[in-house]
């Protein structure tokens, strides 16, 4: 921007009220928009090279040379507590567990890579699949207060926490490289679908909106 301001003779400024075609978490079946944003992300992605390098190192550390990985993204916390209007209703943990079992029976995965911000969901999934499950867990837990009912972004351990957000991004990048994916409808799964080159099998849980 400094170079542009210094060297340009004419600068046209346009105030944009809304960024369209912005891809929302309710448009996962919109293949045209997904392809558009995938191309945009690959060509102009702002993900730092050091993050990509770190994600590749983590992939090798977690899975070695295996590509037979099922990715799982579960959404909870404020979605469950607040039930915000026009936001996707996340699947029950029991439904996710049943689908993991069915898919593992069929595909015999080497590992599952699991990501969630919800400690209750994490505990249930971890107890059910102790041997195959791989995760990257932040050092500081969110400790979300379900009775207080506030948006996750206002949580003191999330807002402004660069380390937490870095781990979140690493999770999204790794999930985008899994062979198959089970995911809640949320902004995280939107990011995964934008970054991925494709999945052999994909299931985005569509339980409607609150």
C-alpha atoms as a PDB file:
ATOM      1  CA  UNK A   1       0.000   0.000   0.000  1.00  0.00           C
ATOM      2  CA  UNK A   2       2.873   2.375   0.756  1.00  0.00           C
ATOM      3  CA  UNK A   3       4.350   1.698  -2.702  1.00  0.00           C
ATOM      4  CA  UNK A   4       0.972   2.284  -4.341  1.00  0.00           C
ATOM      5  CA  UNK A   5       0.440   5.601  -2.557  1.00  0.00           C
ATOM      6  CA  UNK A   6       3.974   6.713  -3.375  1.00  0.00           C
ATOM      7  CA  UNK A   7       4.131   5.737  -7.053  1.00  0.00           C
ATOM      8  CA  UNK A   8       0.582   5.930  -8.392  1.00  0.00           C
ATOM      9  CA  UNK A   9      -0.570   9.065 -10.222  1.00  0.00           C
ATOM     10  CA  UNK A  10      -4.270   8.269  -9.978  1.00  0.00           C
ATOM     11  CA  UNK A  11      -5.927   6.359  -7.156  1.00  0.00           C
ATOM     12  CA  UNK A  12      -9.594   5.453  -7.335  1.00  0.00           C
ATOM     13  CA  UNK A  13     -11.239   4.726  -4.002  1.00  0.00           C
ATOM     14  CA  UNK A  14     -14.529   2.861  -3.835  1.00  0.00           C
ATOM     15  CA  UNK A  15     -16.405   2.357  -0.582  1.00  0.00           C
ATOM     16  CA  UNK A  16     -17.861  -1.155  -0.499  1.00  0.00           C
ATOM     17  CA  UNK A  17     -20.891  -1.719   1.707  1.00  0.00           C
ATOM     18  CA  UNK A  18     -20.845  -5.500   1.482  1.00  0.00           C
ATOM     19  CA  UNK A  19     -18.353  -8.043   0.200  1.00  0.00           C
ATOM     20  CA  UNK A  20     -20.091 -10.242  -2.346  1.00  0.00           C
ATOM     21  CA  UNK A  21     -19.993 -13.023  -3.365  1.00  0.00           C
ATOM     22  CA  UNK A  22     -18.932 -13.727   0.240  1.00  0.00           C
ATOM     23  CA  UNK A  23     -19.166 -17.445   0.970  1.00  0.00           C
ATOM     24  CA  UNK A  24     -21.131 -18.246   4.126  1.00  0.00           C
ATOM     25  CA  UNK A  25     -21.390 -21.457   6.126  1.00  0.00           C
ATOM     26  CA  UNK A  26     -24.853 -22.057   4.624  1.00  0.00           C
ATOM     27  CA  UNK A  27     -23.473 -22.336   1.063  1.00  0.00           C
ATOM     28  CA  UNK A  28     -21.452 -25.544   1.251  1.00  0.00           C
ATOM     29  CA  UNK A  29     -23.369 -27.020  -1.683  1.00  0.00           C
ATOM     30  CA  UNK A  30     -22.646 -24.005  -3.900  1.00  0.00           C
ATOM     31  CA  UNK A  31     -19.932 -25.594  -6.045  1.00  0.00           C
ATOM     32  CA  UNK A  32     -19.427 -22.522  -8.237  1.00  0.00           C
ATOM     33  CA  UNK A  33     -18.753 -20.258  -5.254  1.00  0.00           C
ATOM     34  CA  UNK A  34     -16.513 -22.874  -3.611  1.00  0.00           C
ATOM     35  CA  UNK A  35     -14.440 -23.237  -6.778  1.00  0.00           C
ATOM     36  CA  UNK A  36     -14.179 -19.453  -7.094  1.00  0.00           C
ATOM     37  CA  UNK A  37     -12.934 -18.991  -3.521  1.00  0.00           C
ATOM     38  CA  UNK A  38     -10.680 -22.060  -3.738  1.00  0.00           C
ATOM     39  CA  UNK A  39      -8.935 -20.559  -6.768  1.00  0.00           C
ATOM     40  CA  UNK A  40      -8.709 -17.204  -4.974  1.00  0.00           C
ATOM     41  CA  UNK A  41      -7.268 -18.808  -1.831  1.00  0.00           C
ATOM     42  CA  UNK A  42      -4.666 -20.882  -3.670  1.00  0.00           C
ATOM     43  CA  UNK A  43      -3.520 -17.952  -5.816  1.00  0.00           C
ATOM     44  CA  UNK A  44      -3.659 -15.202  -3.204  1.00  0.00           C
ATOM     45  CA  UNK A  45      -3.761 -17.053   0.133  1.00  0.00           C
ATOM     46  CA  UNK A  46      -2.584 -14.997   3.067  1.00  0.00           C
ATOM     47  CA  UNK A  47      -1.532 -18.034   5.126  1.00  0.00           C
ATOM     48  CA  UNK A  48       2.078 -17.515   6.098  1.00  0.00           C
ATOM     49  CA  UNK A  49       4.677 -19.875   4.721  1.00  0.00           C
ATOM     50  CA  UNK A  50       5.766 -20.736   8.272  1.00  0.00           C
ATOM     51  CA  UNK A  51       2.220 -21.969   9.042  1.00  0.00           C
ATOM     52  CA  UNK A  52       2.209 -24.183   5.959  1.00  0.00           C
ATOM     53  CA  UNK A  53       5.643 -25.575   6.872  1.00  0.00           C
ATOM     54  CA  UNK A  54       4.524 -26.195  10.455  1.00  0.00           C
ATOM     55  CA  UNK A  55       1.336 -27.929   9.266  1.00  0.00           C
ATOM     56  CA  UNK A  56       3.371 -30.255   7.028  1.00  0.00           C
ATOM     57  CA  UNK A  57       5.670 -31.119   9.933  1.00  0.00           C
ATOM     58  CA  UNK A  58       2.671 -31.836  12.157  1.00  0.00           C
ATOM     59  CA  UNK A  59       1.082 -34.015   9.473  1.00  0.00           C
ATOM     60  CA  UNK A  60       4.225 -36.147   9.321  1.00  0.00           C
ATOM     61  CA  UNK A  61       4.530 -36.241  13.120  1.00  0.00           C
ATOM     62  CA  UNK A  62       0.903 -37.297  13.574  1.00  0.00           C
ATOM     63  CA  UNK A  63       0.391 -39.624  10.608  1.00  0.00           C
ATOM     64  CA  UNK A  64       3.918 -40.409   9.321  1.00  0.00           C
ATOM     65  CA  UNK A  65       3.449 -41.332   5.644  1.00  0.00           C
ATOM     66  CA  UNK A  66      -0.191 -42.381   5.891  1.00  0.00           C
ATOM     67  CA  UNK A  67      -2.788 -40.686   3.680  1.00  0.00           C
ATOM     68  CA  UNK A  68      -5.669 -42.820   4.955  1.00  0.00           C
ATOM     69  CA  UNK A  69      -6.993 -40.203   7.382  1.00  0.00           C
ATOM     70  CA  UNK A  70     -10.564 -39.272   8.322  1.00  0.00           C
ATOM     71  CA  UNK A  71     -10.932 -35.609   9.284  1.00  0.00           C
ATOM     72  CA  UNK A  72     -13.618 -34.620  11.793  1.00  0.00           C
ATOM     73  CA  UNK A  73     -14.713 -31.093  12.708  1.00  0.00           C
ATOM     74  CA  UNK A  74     -17.305 -30.643  15.461  1.00  0.00           C
ATOM     75  CA  UNK A  75     -18.877 -27.334  16.530  1.00  0.00           C
ATOM     76  CA  UNK A  76     -20.343 -26.705  19.960  1.00  0.00           C
ATOM     77  CA  UNK A  77     -20.084 -24.125  22.804  1.00  0.00           C
ATOM     78  CA  UNK A  78     -21.967 -20.939  21.883  1.00  0.00           C
ATOM     79  CA  UNK A  79     -23.873 -22.631  19.025  1.00  0.00           C
ATOM     80  CA  UNK A  80     -25.354 -25.014  21.580  1.00  0.00           C
ATOM     81  CA  UNK A  81     -25.768 -22.517  24.433  1.00  0.00           C
ATOM     82  CA  UNK A  82     -27.058 -19.507  22.482  1.00  0.00           C
ATOM     83  CA  UNK A  83     -28.791 -21.221  19.557  1.00  0.00           C
ATOM     84  CA  UNK A  84     -28.177 -18.041  17.507  1.00  0.00           C
ATOM     85  CA  UNK A  85     -30.810 -17.250  14.917  1.00  0.00           C
ATOM     86  CA  UNK A  86     -29.958 -18.268  11.327  1.00  0.00           C
ATOM     87  CA  UNK A  87     -26.900 -20.222  12.462  1.00  0.00           C
ATOM     88  CA  UNK A  88     -26.531 -23.929  11.550  1.00  0.00           C
ATOM     89  CA  UNK A  89     -27.695 -26.489  14.095  1.00  0.00           C
ATOM     90  CA  UNK A  90     -24.713 -28.760  14.883  1.00  0.00           C
ATOM     91  CA  UNK A  91     -25.102 -32.553  14.856  1.00  0.00           C
ATOM     92  CA  UNK A  92     -25.416 -34.575  18.038  1.00  0.00           C
ATOM     93  CA  UNK A  93     -22.164 -36.138  19.196  1.00  0.00           C
ATOM     94  CA  UNK A  94     -23.801 -39.562  19.008  1.00  0.00           C
ATOM     95  CA  UNK A  95     -24.493 -39.042  15.284  1.00  0.00           C
ATOM     96  CA  UNK A  96     -20.861 -38.106  14.657  1.00  0.00           C
ATOM     97  CA  UNK A  97     -19.634 -41.144  16.617  1.00  0.00           C
ATOM     98  CA  UNK A  98     -21.925 -43.487  14.673  1.00  0.00           C
ATOM     99  CA  UNK A  99     -20.742 -42.069  11.337  1.00  0.00           C
ATOM    100  CA  UNK A 100     -17.096 -42.417  12.368  1.00  0.00           C
ATOM    101  CA  UNK A 101     -17.693 -46.074  13.266  1.00  0.00           C
ATOM    102  CA  UNK A 102     -19.508 -46.772   9.997  1.00  0.00           C
ATOM    103  CA  UNK A 103     -16.864 -45.093   7.880  1.00  0.00           C
ATOM    104  CA  UNK A 104     -14.015 -46.741   9.772  1.00  0.00           C
ATOM    105  CA  UNK A 105     -15.617 -50.161   9.294  1.00  0.00           C
ATOM    106  CA  UNK A 106     -15.774 -49.467   5.558  1.00  0.00           C
ATOM    107  CA  UNK A 107     -12.419 -47.741   5.024  1.00  0.00           C
ATOM    108  CA  UNK A 108     -10.278 -48.970   7.935  1.00  0.00           C
ATOM    109  CA  UNK A 109      -8.568 -45.626   8.527  1.00  0.00           C
ATOM    110  CA  UNK A 110      -5.097 -45.467   9.972  1.00  0.00           C
ATOM    111  CA  UNK A 111      -6.010 -42.382  12.008  1.00  0.00           C
ATOM    112  CA  UNK A 112      -8.757 -39.871  12.732  1.00  0.00           C
ATOM    113  CA  UNK A 113      -7.826 -36.197  12.916  1.00  0.00           C
ATOM    114  CA  UNK A 114     -10.286 -34.420  15.203  1.00  0.00           C
ATOM    115  CA  UNK A 115     -10.842 -30.728  15.840  1.00  0.00           C
ATOM    116  CA  UNK A 116     -13.315 -28.956  18.109  1.00  0.00           C
ATOM    117  CA  UNK A 117     -13.459 -25.953  20.428  1.00  0.00           C
ATOM    118  CA  UNK A 118     -15.882 -27.767  22.729  1.00  0.00           C
ATOM    119  CA  UNK A 119     -14.310 -29.671  25.640  1.00  0.00           C
ATOM    120  CA  UNK A 120     -17.472 -31.721  26.308  1.00  0.00           C
ATOM    121  CA  UNK A 121     -17.526 -32.976  22.714  1.00  0.00           C
ATOM    122  CA  UNK A 122     -13.761 -33.532  22.801  1.00  0.00           C
ATOM    123  CA  UNK A 123     -14.017 -35.717  25.905  1.00  0.00           C
ATOM    124  CA  UNK A 124     -16.747 -37.930  24.389  1.00  0.00           C
ATOM    125  CA  UNK A 125     -14.925 -38.420  21.086  1.00  0.00           C
ATOM    126  CA  UNK A 126     -11.576 -39.024  22.783  1.00  0.00           C
ATOM    127  CA  UNK A 127     -13.013 -41.662  25.113  1.00  0.00           C
ATOM    128  CA  UNK A 128     -14.721 -43.448  22.211  1.00  0.00           C
ATOM    129  CA  UNK A 129     -11.698 -43.555  19.896  1.00  0.00           C
ATOM    130  CA  UNK A 130      -8.588 -43.539  22.128  1.00  0.00           C
ATOM    131  CA  UNK A 131      -6.244 -45.443  19.817  1.00  0.00           C
ATOM    132  CA  UNK A 132      -6.708 -43.807  16.393  1.00  0.00           C
ATOM    133  CA  UNK A 133      -7.540 -40.245  17.383  1.00  0.00           C
ATOM    134  CA  UNK A 134      -5.050 -37.455  16.729  1.00  0.00           C
ATOM    135  CA  UNK A 135      -5.550 -33.838  17.849  1.00  0.00           C
ATOM    136  CA  UNK A 136      -3.783 -30.531  18.254  1.00  0.00           C
ATOM    137  CA  UNK A 137      -5.072 -29.137  21.533  1.00  0.00           C
ATOM    138  CA  UNK A 138      -4.404 -25.564  22.718  1.00  0.00           C
ATOM    139  CA  UNK A 139      -2.415 -25.344  25.951  1.00  0.00           C
ATOM    140  CA  UNK A 140      -5.017 -23.024  27.462  1.00  0.00           C
ATOM    141  CA  UNK A 141      -8.566 -24.399  27.550  1.00  0.00           C
ATOM    142  CA  UNK A 142     -11.421 -22.078  26.688  1.00  0.00           C
ATOM    143  CA  UNK A 143     -13.439 -23.027  29.792  1.00  0.00           C
ATOM    144  CA  UNK A 144     -16.622 -21.905  28.089  1.00  0.00           C
ATOM    145  CA  UNK A 145     -19.446 -21.023  30.482  1.00  0.00           C
ATOM    146  CA  UNK A 146     -22.581 -22.621  29.021  1.00  0.00           C
ATOM    147  CA  UNK A 147     -24.878 -20.915  31.540  1.00  0.00           C
ATOM    148  CA  UNK A 148     -23.460 -17.453  30.803  1.00  0.00           C
ATOM    149  CA  UNK A 149     -24.323 -17.823  27.097  1.00  0.00           C
ATOM    150  CA  UNK A 150     -21.892 -15.498  25.365  1.00  0.00           C
ATOM    151  CA  UNK A 151     -20.383 -15.732  21.892  1.00  0.00           C
ATOM    152  CA  UNK A 152     -17.127 -17.655  21.705  1.00  0.00           C
ATOM    153  CA  UNK A 153     -15.298 -14.676  20.219  1.00  0.00           C
ATOM    154  CA  UNK A 154     -15.737 -12.762  23.488  1.00  0.00           C
ATOM    155  CA  UNK A 155     -14.140 -15.513  25.591  1.00  0.00           C
ATOM    156  CA  UNK A 156     -11.039 -14.176  27.364  1.00  0.00           C
ATOM    157  CA  UNK A 157      -8.978 -17.178  26.224  1.00  0.00           C
ATOM    158  CA  UNK A 158      -9.968 -16.705  22.566  1.00  0.00           C
ATOM    159  CA  UNK A 159     -10.192 -12.963  21.940  1.00  0.00           C
ATOM    160  CA  UNK A 160      -6.769 -11.620  21.042  1.00  0.00           C
ATOM    161  CA  UNK A 161      -5.085 -14.973  21.755  1.00  0.00           C
ATOM    162  CA  UNK A 162      -2.695 -15.306  18.809  1.00  0.00           C
ATOM    163  CA  UNK A 163      -1.468 -18.749  19.881  1.00  0.00           C
ATOM    164  CA  UNK A 164      -5.008 -20.129  20.119  1.00  0.00           C
ATOM    165  CA  UNK A 165      -5.924 -18.762  16.696  1.00  0.00           C
ATOM    166  CA  UNK A 166      -2.716 -20.130  15.211  1.00  0.00           C
ATOM    167  CA  UNK A 167      -3.609 -23.614  16.438  1.00  0.00           C
ATOM    168  CA  UNK A 168      -7.134 -23.166  15.059  1.00  0.00           C
ATOM    169  CA  UNK A 169      -5.683 -22.324  11.641  1.00  0.00           C
ATOM    170  CA  UNK A 170      -3.319 -25.300  11.774  1.00  0.00           C
ATOM    171  CA  UNK A 171      -6.322 -27.543  12.465  1.00  0.00           C
ATOM    172  CA  UNK A 172      -8.170 -26.133   9.440  1.00  0.00           C
ATOM    173  CA  UNK A 173      -5.165 -26.591   7.145  1.00  0.00           C
ATOM    174  CA  UNK A 174      -4.623 -30.199   8.275  1.00  0.00           C
ATOM    175  CA  UNK A 175      -8.322 -31.052   7.955  1.00  0.00           C
ATOM    176  CA  UNK A 176      -8.264 -29.710   4.395  1.00  0.00           C
ATOM    177  CA  UNK A 177      -5.639 -32.350   3.532  1.00  0.00           C
ATOM    178  CA  UNK A 178      -7.445 -35.383   4.965  1.00  0.00           C
ATOM    179  CA  UNK A 179      -8.722 -38.109   2.662  1.00  0.00           C
ATOM    180  CA  UNK A 180     -12.346 -37.937   3.890  1.00  0.00           C
ATOM    181  CA  UNK A 181     -14.191 -35.395   6.038  1.00  0.00           C
ATOM    182  CA  UNK A 182     -17.100 -35.229   8.480  1.00  0.00           C
ATOM    183  CA  UNK A 183     -17.872 -31.666   9.537  1.00  0.00           C
ATOM    184  CA  UNK A 184     -20.442 -29.427  11.173  1.00  0.00           C
ATOM    185  CA  UNK A 185     -21.694 -26.484   9.149  1.00  0.00           C
ATOM    186  CA  UNK A 186     -19.676 -23.534  10.417  1.00  0.00           C
ATOM    187  CA  UNK A 187     -17.105 -21.008   9.270  1.00  0.00           C
ATOM    188  CA  UNK A 188     -14.374 -23.544   9.992  1.00  0.00           C
ATOM    189  CA  UNK A 189     -15.779 -26.025   7.501  1.00  0.00           C
ATOM    190  CA  UNK A 190     -16.113 -23.192   4.974  1.00  0.00           C
ATOM    191  CA  UNK A 191     -12.390 -22.539   5.368  1.00  0.00           C
ATOM    192  CA  UNK A 192     -11.633 -26.245   4.930  1.00  0.00           C
ATOM    193  CA  UNK A 193     -13.657 -26.448   1.712  1.00  0.00           C
ATOM    194  CA  UNK A 194     -11.953 -23.356   0.323  1.00  0.00           C
ATOM    195  CA  UNK A 195      -8.465 -24.713   1.012  1.00  0.00           C
ATOM    196  CA  UNK A 196      -8.931 -28.355   0.032  1.00  0.00           C
ATOM    197  CA  UNK A 197      -8.161 -29.861  -3.355  1.00  0.00           C
ATOM    198  CA  UNK A 198     -11.072 -32.220  -2.764  1.00  0.00           C
ATOM    199  CA  UNK A 199     -12.118 -35.154  -0.588  1.00  0.00           C
ATOM    200  CA  UNK A 200     -12.846 -38.729  -1.559  1.00  0.00           C
ATOM    201  CA  UNK A 201     -15.909 -38.567   0.692  1.00  0.00           C
ATOM    202  CA  UNK A 202     -17.431 -35.484   2.266  1.00  0.00           C
ATOM    203  CA  UNK A 203     -20.297 -35.074   4.704  1.00  0.00           C
ATOM    204  CA  UNK A 204     -21.336 -31.656   5.967  1.00  0.00           C
ATOM    205  CA  UNK A 205     -24.104 -32.113   8.542  1.00  0.00           C
ATOM    206  CA  UNK A 206     -27.169 -30.142   7.512  1.00  0.00           C
ATOM    207  CA  UNK A 207     -29.660 -30.042  10.385  1.00  0.00           C
ATOM    208  CA  UNK A 208     -31.208 -26.737   9.380  1.00  0.00           C
ATOM    209  CA  UNK A 209     -30.883 -23.395  11.123  1.00  0.00           C
ATOM    210  CA  UNK A 210     -31.836 -22.140  14.564  1.00  0.00           C
END
